[in-house]
C-alpha cells in the first residue's frame, strides 16, 4: 500500500500540471489506478456504527432509491393505441422519470452542486424530431427509433433548475441519452453547437483567464423573440436575445448572444457580444490550488489500517474541495457498500464529479458504471465515450475495456 501511495503523489502532481499526458504518464497512471483500487478494497467498515456517524447526509440525490428496475412500474402500452398516446404513456412512466433523475444527477455533478434533500423531477416539454422516423415497436415499452428532445425541472434544496436532454430510440436496449446545455436556449441545434464552440473563448477573455481549461456552461436564458430589430449594424427579421452563463475556473461570467434570421439571409445566424472589459463574479465553485500530498497519503494509510473515522472525515473534506482522487475513492466506497449500504446514485455522482474534473480513474469508473448497468440502465454508448476520454489521458486499462465493448457490440 505504501509504494502505491507514493506513486499516487506523483500522479496527483501530474494531474495538477495538466493530466496524464506526456512521456512516462502511462506508467504513472497504472500505479495511481492501483492506489485507487487498493484504497477502496482496504476499507470494510459496514459494521462500524461509530464510523458511520461521521458521514454527511446524502449528497445530490436525497432519498431517491438505488437502482430501481426501469421496467417496473411502467404502464403497459396498448399496441393498438395511437403513436402519440403510447409515447405519452412512456413519458409518464416511472422508468423514464428515473432516466431524468439520472440526467439531473449528471448535470449537478457537472456543475458541482450538492444537495441533502430528495430529487423531484418534472417533465416540462418533449419534442420529437421529424427525422429519423419515430417508431414504437409493439414489443418494446419505449421508442425503438427516432430522436426526441426534452426539457425538465429538477427541484432540490429549495432550488429549481431547468435542464435539457436528448434521447434516441433503440430496439434492443433502453434509449440513448445525452445531456444538453443547461437552461432554456431556443437556438436550433446546429446554431447552439456553433455557439458552444466559440463562446468559451469569449468567456475566458471576460473572466481575465486566457489559459483556463475548466470551462463549464452553467445556464442559458432566452428573451421573447423580436421582429425587425437592428443592433450593432445587423438587421434582423427575427431575433432572440439570450444570456449564457459560464463558469471559468471559478469565475462566473455572463455573455450576450443573439440568434435568428438576418435580413437578406435564408439560414439562421448568431452573434456573440464580446464584453468590453474583464467582468466577472465568484461562482462559488472550488478549483483546488494545491493538494497536501503527505496528509492525503497518511489518510489513505489510516483507511487501510482500519482507522476510518479520521481518514473518512478528511477524504470527504478533500472531495468537497474538488480533489479528484478523494472523490474517486469516495465513489468507490459508496459503490462497494464500504460506508453503509450500496448507493449507486451517490457513487455515480462523485465519480462523475471527478470525471468532469478531468481525472482518468474517475472516467474509467463512470465507464464501468454504464457498461455494467449498475446504476440505472446499461448504456454502452456512454460507457464507450467515458472509456475513450480515459484512454486519451493515458488509461491503458480503459483501452482494453473499450476494445472489449466494441467486440461485444459487433456480435
Protein backbone atom coordinates (compact mmCIF):
# COMPACT_ATOMS: atom_id res chain seq x y z
CA UNK A 1 0.00 0.00 0.00
CA UNK A 2 2.82 2.37 0.87
CA UNK A 3 4.51 2.02 -2.52
CA UNK A 4 1.22 2.56 -4.37
CA UNK A 5 0.55 5.69 -2.35
CA UNK A 6 3.94 7.10 -3.22
CA UNK A 7 3.05 6.76 -6.89
CA UNK A 8 -0.27 8.45 -6.09
CA UNK A 9 1.63 11.56 -5.04
CA UNK A 10 3.34 11.62 -8.44
CA UNK A 11 0.07 11.07 -10.30
CA UNK A 12 -1.72 13.86 -8.46
CA UNK A 13 1.15 16.22 -9.18
CA UNK A 14 0.95 15.23 -12.84
CA UNK A 15 -2.80 15.83 -12.79
CA UNK A 16 -2.35 19.36 -11.46
CA UNK A 17 0.22 20.05 -14.15
CA UNK A 18 -2.16 19.07 -16.91
CA UNK A 19 -3.26 15.46 -16.60
CA UNK A 20 -1.76 12.11 -17.55
CA UNK A 21 -0.17 13.29 -20.73
CA UNK A 22 3.38 13.12 -21.96
CA UNK A 23 6.25 10.69 -21.68
CA UNK A 24 6.03 8.26 -18.79
CA UNK A 25 2.49 9.20 -17.79
CA UNK A 26 1.07 5.80 -18.73
CA UNK A 27 3.17 4.06 -16.08
CA UNK A 28 2.23 6.69 -13.52
CA UNK A 29 -1.45 6.20 -14.40
CA UNK A 30 -1.26 2.43 -13.85
CA UNK A 31 0.20 2.83 -10.37
CA UNK A 32 -2.30 5.57 -9.49
CA UNK A 33 -5.15 3.32 -10.62
CA UNK A 34 -3.84 0.54 -8.37
CA UNK A 35 -3.71 3.01 -5.49
CA UNK A 36 -7.38 3.88 -6.04
CA UNK A 37 -8.34 0.21 -6.07
CA UNK A 38 -6.22 -0.59 -3.02
CA UNK A 39 -7.66 2.31 -1.04
CA UNK A 40 -11.22 1.19 -1.80
CA UNK A 41 -10.58 -2.52 -1.24
CA UNK A 42 -8.83 -1.92 2.08
CA UNK A 43 -11.91 -0.41 3.71
CA UNK A 44 -14.53 -2.61 5.36
CA UNK A 45 -16.45 -0.64 7.95
CA UNK A 46 -20.04 -1.59 7.21
CA UNK A 47 -20.48 -2.80 10.79
CA UNK A 48 -18.62 0.09 12.42
CA UNK A 49 -21.52 2.22 13.68
CA UNK A 50 -19.23 4.82 15.18
CA UNK A 51 -17.51 5.46 11.86
CA UNK A 52 -20.82 5.76 10.04
CA UNK A 53 -21.73 8.68 12.28
CA UNK A 54 -19.12 10.87 10.59
CA UNK A 55 -20.70 10.51 7.16
CA UNK A 56 -22.51 13.57 5.82
CA UNK A 57 -26.14 13.45 4.68
CA UNK A 58 -26.73 12.08 1.22
CA UNK A 59 -25.28 14.40 -1.37
CA UNK A 60 -27.09 15.34 -4.52
CA UNK A 61 -29.65 12.58 -4.56
CA UNK A 62 -31.56 12.75 -1.29
CA UNK A 63 -34.00 9.89 -0.88
CA UNK A 64 -34.02 8.61 -4.45
CA UNK A 65 -33.95 4.82 -4.26
CA UNK A 66 -30.90 3.00 -5.54
CA UNK A 67 -31.09 1.39 -8.97
CA UNK A 68 -34.80 0.60 -9.33
CA UNK A 69 -35.68 -1.54 -12.32
CA UNK A 70 -36.61 0.94 -15.07
CA UNK A 71 -39.12 -1.53 -16.45
CA UNK A 72 -41.05 -1.92 -13.18
CA UNK A 73 -43.99 0.35 -12.59
CA UNK A 74 -44.23 1.17 -16.28
CA UNK A 75 -47.79 1.26 -17.66
CA UNK A 76 -48.28 -1.40 -20.31
CA UNK A 77 -48.93 0.39 -23.61
CA UNK A 78 -51.77 -0.75 -25.80
CA UNK A 79 -50.30 -1.80 -29.18
CA UNK A 80 -53.49 -0.64 -30.88
CA UNK A 81 -53.37 2.87 -29.44
CA UNK A 82 -52.01 5.78 -31.44
CA UNK A 83 -48.29 6.55 -31.52
CA UNK A 84 -48.83 9.84 -29.68
CA UNK A 85 -50.75 8.15 -26.89
CA UNK A 86 -48.17 5.40 -26.45
CA UNK A 87 -45.37 7.96 -26.42
CA UNK A 88 -47.23 9.95 -23.75
CA UNK A 89 -47.59 6.79 -21.64
CA UNK A 90 -43.85 6.22 -21.93
CA UNK A 91 -43.02 9.81 -20.92
CA UNK A 92 -45.18 9.43 -17.80
CA UNK A 93 -43.66 6.09 -16.81
CA UNK A 94 -41.50 5.65 -13.72
CA UNK A 95 -38.73 4.28 -15.93
CA UNK A 96 -38.45 7.45 -17.99
CA UNK A 97 -38.66 9.69 -14.92
CA UNK A 98 -35.82 7.66 -13.46
CA UNK A 99 -33.75 8.48 -16.55
CA UNK A 100 -34.49 12.16 -15.93
CA UNK A 101 -33.25 11.74 -12.35
CA UNK A 102 -30.09 10.20 -13.79
CA UNK A 103 -29.73 13.21 -16.10
CA UNK A 104 -30.31 15.66 -13.23
CA UNK A 105 -27.66 13.97 -11.07
CA UNK A 106 -25.25 14.10 -14.01
CA UNK A 107 -25.92 17.80 -14.56
CA UNK A 108 -25.43 18.57 -10.87
CA UNK A 109 -22.15 16.64 -10.85
CA UNK A 110 -21.02 18.71 -13.83
CA UNK A 111 -21.98 21.92 -12.03
CA UNK A 112 -20.64 20.62 -8.63
CA UNK A 113 -24.00 21.25 -6.97
CA UNK A 114 -24.69 19.28 -3.81
CA UNK A 115 -27.97 18.80 -2.01
CA UNK A 116 -29.23 16.90 1.04
CA UNK A 117 -32.90 16.68 0.05
CA UNK A 118 -34.78 14.46 -2.37
CA UNK A 119 -34.78 14.99 -6.11
CA UNK A 120 -38.10 15.83 -7.71
CA UNK A 121 -38.05 15.90 -11.50
CA UNK A 122 -40.93 17.07 -13.66
CA UNK A 123 -41.10 16.83 -17.43
CA UNK A 124 -41.74 20.27 -18.94
CA UNK A 125 -41.70 19.58 -22.66
CA UNK A 126 -40.92 16.80 -25.14
CA UNK A 127 -40.48 17.30 -28.88
CA UNK A 128 -39.89 14.62 -31.49
CA UNK A 129 -37.58 15.22 -34.42
CA UNK A 130 -39.10 14.63 -37.83
CA UNK A 131 -36.02 12.71 -38.97
CA UNK A 132 -35.13 9.95 -38.46
CA UNK A 133 -38.60 8.41 -38.43
CA UNK A 134 -40.00 7.99 -34.93
CA UNK A 135 -41.20 4.47 -34.11
CA UNK A 136 -42.51 2.47 -31.16
CA UNK A 137 -42.42 -1.26 -31.79
CA UNK A 138 -45.23 -3.33 -30.31
CA UNK A 139 -42.85 -5.49 -28.29
CA UNK A 140 -40.90 -2.63 -26.64
CA UNK A 141 -42.23 -0.26 -23.94
CA UNK A 142 -40.00 2.57 -25.19
CA UNK A 143 -39.41 4.19 -28.60
CA UNK A 144 -37.46 1.87 -30.89
CA UNK A 145 -36.32 4.56 -33.34
CA UNK A 146 -36.21 8.32 -33.62
CA UNK A 147 -34.92 11.22 -31.53
CA UNK A 148 -36.75 13.38 -29.02
CA UNK A 149 -35.66 16.44 -27.04
CA UNK A 150 -36.94 17.07 -23.52
CA UNK A 151 -36.72 19.89 -21.02
CA UNK A 152 -37.42 19.19 -17.37
CA UNK A 153 -37.22 20.85 -13.98
CA UNK A 154 -35.18 19.45 -11.13
CA UNK A 155 -36.16 20.60 -7.64
CA UNK A 156 -33.83 20.06 -4.70
CA UNK A 157 -32.76 22.02 -1.62
CA UNK A 158 -35.27 24.77 -2.29
CA UNK A 159 -33.83 25.43 -5.76
CA UNK A 160 -35.28 24.73 -9.18
CA UNK A 161 -33.06 24.13 -12.20
CA UNK A 162 -34.18 23.81 -15.80
CA UNK A 163 -32.25 21.14 -17.68
CA UNK A 164 -32.45 19.54 -21.10
CA UNK A 165 -31.61 16.13 -22.52
CA UNK A 166 -31.75 14.34 -25.86
CA UNK A 167 -32.87 10.72 -26.28
CA UNK A 168 -32.57 8.28 -29.16
CA UNK A 169 -34.71 5.17 -29.55
CA UNK A 170 -33.24 1.66 -29.83
CA UNK A 171 -34.87 -1.71 -30.42
CA UNK A 172 -32.54 -3.87 -28.35
CA UNK A 173 -31.83 -1.59 -25.38
CA UNK A 174 -33.21 1.40 -23.45
CA UNK A 175 -32.92 4.73 -25.31
CA UNK A 176 -29.61 6.53 -25.59
CA UNK A 177 -29.38 9.71 -23.52
CA UNK A 178 -27.25 12.80 -23.98
CA UNK A 179 -27.12 15.68 -21.53
CA UNK A 180 -27.64 19.05 -23.22
CA UNK A 181 -26.78 22.62 -22.26
CA UNK A 182 -28.48 23.74 -19.01
CA UNK A 183 -31.21 26.35 -19.28
CA UNK A 184 -33.72 27.20 -21.96
CA UNK A 185 -31.78 28.27 -25.05
CA UNK A 186 -34.08 28.30 -28.07
CA UNK A 187 -31.26 28.25 -30.62
CA UNK A 188 -31.55 25.49 -33.25
CA UNK A 189 -29.33 22.52 -32.53
CA UNK A 190 -26.76 23.37 -35.22
CA UNK A 191 -26.55 27.01 -34.12
CA UNK A 192 -26.31 26.02 -30.44
CA UNK A 193 -23.40 23.72 -31.28
CA UNK A 194 -21.58 26.60 -33.01
CA UNK A 195 -22.29 28.93 -30.08
CA UNK A 196 -20.85 26.43 -27.59
CA UNK A 197 -17.72 26.06 -29.72
CA UNK A 198 -16.99 29.81 -29.71
CA UNK A 199 -18.47 31.24 -26.54
CA UNK A 200 -15.95 29.68 -24.15
CA UNK A 201 -13.08 31.69 -25.63
CA UNK A 202 -15.13 34.89 -25.30
CA UNK A 203 -15.95 33.96 -21.70
CA UNK A 204 -12.27 33.38 -20.87
CA UNK A 205 -11.49 36.91 -22.03
CA UNK A 206 -14.34 38.28 -19.92
CA UNK A 207 -13.03 36.36 -16.90
CA UNK A 208 -9.46 37.50 -17.47
CA UNK A 209 -8.24 33.89 -17.66
CA UNK A 210 -6.89 33.13 -21.10
CA UNK A 211 -5.47 29.71 -20.22
CA UNK A 212 -8.27 28.17 -18.14
CA UNK A 213 -9.12 24.60 -19.20
CA UNK A 214 -12.03 24.12 -16.77
CA UNK A 215 -14.83 25.96 -18.59
CA UNK A 216 -18.44 24.99 -17.91
CA UNK A 217 -21.73 26.33 -19.24
CA UNK A 218 -23.92 26.93 -16.19
CA UNK A 219 -27.18 28.33 -17.56
CA UNK A 220 -28.90 29.92 -20.56
CA UNK A 221 -31.85 32.29 -20.53
CA UNK A 222 -33.89 33.49 -23.52
CA UNK A 223 -35.91 36.67 -24.02
CA UNK A 224 -39.10 36.70 -26.14
CA UNK A 225 -38.46 36.70 -29.87
CA UNK A 226 -38.43 40.11 -31.58
CA UNK A 227 -39.07 41.07 -35.20
CA UNK A 228 -37.47 43.73 -37.40
CA UNK A 229 -34.67 44.62 -34.99
CA UNK A 230 -31.40 46.41 -35.70
CA UNK A 231 -28.40 46.29 -33.37
CA UNK A 232 -24.62 46.52 -33.83
CA UNK A 233 -25.10 47.26 -37.54
CA UNK A 234 -27.02 43.99 -38.01
CA UNK A 235 -30.61 43.95 -39.24
CA UNK A 236 -32.72 41.03 -38.06
CA UNK A 237 -36.03 39.84 -39.45
CA UNK A 238 -36.38 37.69 -36.33
CA UNK A 239 -34.06 37.80 -33.34
CA UNK A 240 -33.86 36.09 -29.97
CA UNK A 241 -31.60 37.60 -27.31
CA UNK A 242 -30.09 35.18 -24.79
CA UNK A 243 -27.77 35.33 -21.81
CA UNK A 244 -25.32 32.46 -21.38
CA UNK A 245 -23.63 32.00 -18.01
CA UNK A 246 -20.27 30.25 -17.90
CA UNK A 247 -18.05 29.20 -15.01
CA UNK A 248 -14.42 29.85 -15.99
CA UNK A 249 -12.20 28.26 -13.32
CA UNK A 250 -14.44 29.57 -10.54
CA UNK A 251 -15.22 32.92 -12.17
CA UNK A 252 -18.82 33.41 -13.33
CA UNK A 253 -19.36 35.49 -16.47
CA UNK A 254 -22.45 36.35 -18.49
CA UNK A 255 -22.26 36.60 -22.27
CA UNK A 256 -24.97 38.05 -24.52
CA UNK A 257 -25.91 36.01 -27.60
CA UNK A 258 -28.27 36.94 -30.44
CA UNK A 259 -29.57 34.39 -32.93
CA UNK A 260 -32.25 34.30 -35.59
CA UNK A 261 -32.81 35.29 -39.24
CA UNK A 262 -30.92 38.26 -40.65
CA UNK A 263 -32.25 40.48 -43.41
CA UNK A 264 -31.14 39.13 -46.77
CA UNK A 265 -30.14 35.71 -45.40
CA UNK A 266 -32.13 32.48 -45.51
CA UNK A 267 -30.26 30.43 -42.91
CA UNK A 268 -30.16 31.08 -39.14
CA UNK A 269 -27.31 33.22 -37.87
CA UNK A 270 -25.86 34.14 -34.48
CA UNK A 271 -23.60 36.75 -32.94
CA UNK A 272 -21.77 36.70 -29.60
CA UNK A 273 -21.48 40.10 -27.94
CA UNK A 274 -17.97 40.35 -26.53
CA UNK A 275 -17.58 42.13 -23.20
CA UNK A 276 -15.69 45.44 -23.50
CA UNK A 277 -13.65 44.67 -20.38
CA UNK A 278 -12.91 41.94 -17.85
CA UNK A 279 -16.04 41.49 -15.75
CA UNK A 280 -16.81 38.51 -13.52
CA UNK A 281 -18.10 37.43 -10.10
CA UNK A 282 -17.05 34.43 -7.97
CA UNK A 283 -19.10 31.39 -8.94
CA UNK A 284 -18.65 29.57 -5.65
CA UNK A 285 -17.23 26.52 -7.41
CA UNK A 286 -13.95 25.44 -5.89
CA UNK A 287 -10.90 24.82 -8.03
CA UNK A 288 -8.12 23.39 -5.83
CA UNK A 289 -4.93 25.40 -5.90
CA UNK A 290 -2.82 22.85 -4.05
CA UNK A 291 -3.07 19.38 -2.55
CA UNK A 292 -1.48 18.31 0.72
CA UNK A 293 0.02 15.09 -0.63
CA UNK A 294 1.64 13.87 2.63
CA UNK A 295 -1.61 14.32 4.56
CA UNK A 296 -3.64 12.61 1.83
CA UNK A 297 -1.19 9.71 1.83
CA UNK A 298 -1.42 9.48 5.62
CA UNK A 299 -5.23 9.47 5.48
CA UNK A 300 -5.28 6.62 2.97
CA UNK A 301 -2.79 4.68 5.08
CA UNK A 302 -5.18 5.02 8.03
CA UNK A 303 -8.05 3.82 5.85
CA UNK A 304 -6.06 0.71 5.00
CA UNK A 305 -5.28 0.20 8.70
CA UNK A 306 -8.96 0.40 9.66
CA UNK A 307 -8.83 3.83 11.32
CA UNK A 308 -11.81 5.01 9.31
CA UNK A 309 -13.17 7.86 11.40
CA UNK A 310 -10.45 10.48 10.95
CA UNK A 311 -9.49 9.36 7.46
CA UNK A 312 -13.06 9.44 6.13
CA UNK A 313 -13.56 12.91 7.57
CA UNK A 314 -10.51 14.06 5.68
CA UNK A 315 -11.47 12.25 2.45
CA UNK A 316 -14.92 13.88 2.50
CA UNK A 317 -13.39 17.32 3.05
CA UNK A 318 -10.93 16.79 0.21
CA UNK A 319 -13.71 15.52 -2.08
CA UNK A 320 -15.67 18.71 -1.46
CA UNK A 321 -12.52 20.70 -2.15
CA UNK A 322 -12.51 19.19 -5.66
CA UNK A 323 -9.58 16.84 -5.11
CA UNK A 324 -10.34 14.22 -7.78
CA UNK A 325 -8.53 11.30 -6.16
CA UNK A 326 -10.56 11.71 -2.95
CA UNK A 327 -13.77 11.99 -4.98
CA UNK A 328 -12.95 8.78 -6.86
CA UNK A 329 -12.17 6.87 -3.66
CA UNK A 330 -15.44 8.09 -2.09
CA UNK A 331 -17.32 6.96 -5.22
CA UNK A 332 -15.74 3.52 -4.99
CA UNK A 333 -16.57 3.16 -1.30
CA UNK A 334 -20.22 4.06 -1.98
CA UNK A 335 -20.34 1.72 -4.98
CA UNK A 336 -18.97 -1.21 -2.98
CA UNK A 337 -21.06 -0.59 0.15
CA UNK A 338 -18.00 0.08 2.31
CA UNK A 339 -19.57 3.07 4.08
CA UNK A 340 -23.13 1.91 4.57
CA UNK A 341 -25.42 0.31 2.03
CA UNK A 342 -24.57 0.34 -1.66
CA UNK A 343 -25.70 3.69 -3.03
CA UNK A 344 -25.20 3.94 -6.78
CA UNK A 345 -26.78 7.38 -7.07
CA UNK A 346 -24.19 8.88 -4.77
CA UNK A 347 -21.40 6.74 -6.22
CA UNK A 348 -22.22 7.88 -9.74
CA UNK A 349 -22.49 11.50 -8.60
CA UNK A 350 -18.99 11.57 -7.09
CA UNK A 351 -17.44 9.57 -9.94
CA UNK A 352 -18.99 11.96 -12.48
CA UNK A 353 -17.89 14.99 -10.47
CA UNK A 354 -14.28 13.78 -10.52
CA UNK A 355 -14.54 12.72 -14.17
CA UNK A 356 -15.75 16.16 -15.22
CA UNK A 357 -12.72 17.49 -13.36
CA UNK A 358 -10.52 15.60 -15.82
CA UNK A 359 -9.41 12.64 -13.66
CA UNK A 360 -8.91 9.44 -15.73
CA UNK A 361 -9.55 6.99 -12.87
CA UNK A 362 -13.00 8.52 -12.41
CA UNK A 363 -13.65 8.49 -16.15
CA UNK A 364 -12.92 4.78 -16.23
CA UNK A 365 -15.18 4.22 -13.21
CA UNK A 366 -18.05 6.05 -14.92
CA UNK A 367 -17.48 3.87 -17.97
CA UNK A 368 -17.68 0.79 -15.75
CA UNK A 369 -20.94 2.01 -14.23
CA UNK A 370 -22.60 2.45 -17.62
CA UNK A 371 -21.13 -0.73 -19.12
CA UNK A 372 -22.40 -2.86 -16.23
CA UNK A 373 -25.77 -1.16 -15.81
CA UNK A 374 -25.18 -0.98 -12.06
CA UNK A 375 -26.71 2.50 -11.84
CA UNK A 376 -29.89 2.89 -13.92
CA UNK A 377 -29.52 1.14 -17.27
CA UNK A 378 -26.81 -0.36 -19.45
CA UNK A 379 -25.64 2.36 -21.84
CA UNK A 380 -22.73 1.13 -23.94
CA UNK A 381 -22.55 4.36 -25.93
CA UNK A 382 -21.93 6.43 -22.79
CA UNK A 383 -19.59 3.75 -21.45
CA UNK A 384 -17.53 3.92 -24.64
CA UNK A 385 -17.47 7.73 -24.52
CA UNK A 386 -16.07 7.77 -20.97
CA UNK A 387 -13.58 4.97 -21.67
CA UNK A 388 -12.39 6.95 -24.69
CA UNK A 389 -11.82 10.05 -22.56
CA UNK A 390 -9.85 8.00 -20.05
CA UNK A 391 -7.73 6.48 -22.83
CA UNK A 392 -6.91 9.95 -24.13
CA UNK A 393 -5.39 10.66 -20.71
CA UNK A 394 -3.24 7.54 -20.64
CA UNK A 395 -5.52 4.92 -19.07
CA UNK A 396 -4.36 1.71 -20.76
CA UNK A 397 -6.83 -0.44 -18.80
CA UNK A 398 -9.69 1.66 -20.20
CA UNK A 399 -8.38 0.92 -23.70
CA UNK A 400 -8.82 -2.80 -23.06
CA UNK A 401 -12.38 -2.23 -21.85
CA UNK A 402 -13.14 -0.01 -24.85
CA UNK A 403 -11.90 -2.71 -27.23
CA UNK A 404 -13.92 -5.37 -25.39
CA UNK A 405 -17.02 -3.19 -25.59
CA UNK A 406 -16.58 -2.74 -29.34
CA UNK A 407 -16.19 -6.51 -29.78
CA UNK A 408 -19.40 -7.13 -27.81
CA UNK A 409 -21.36 -4.65 -29.92
CA UNK A 410 -20.23 -6.33 -33.15
CA UNK A 411 -21.58 -9.72 -32.10
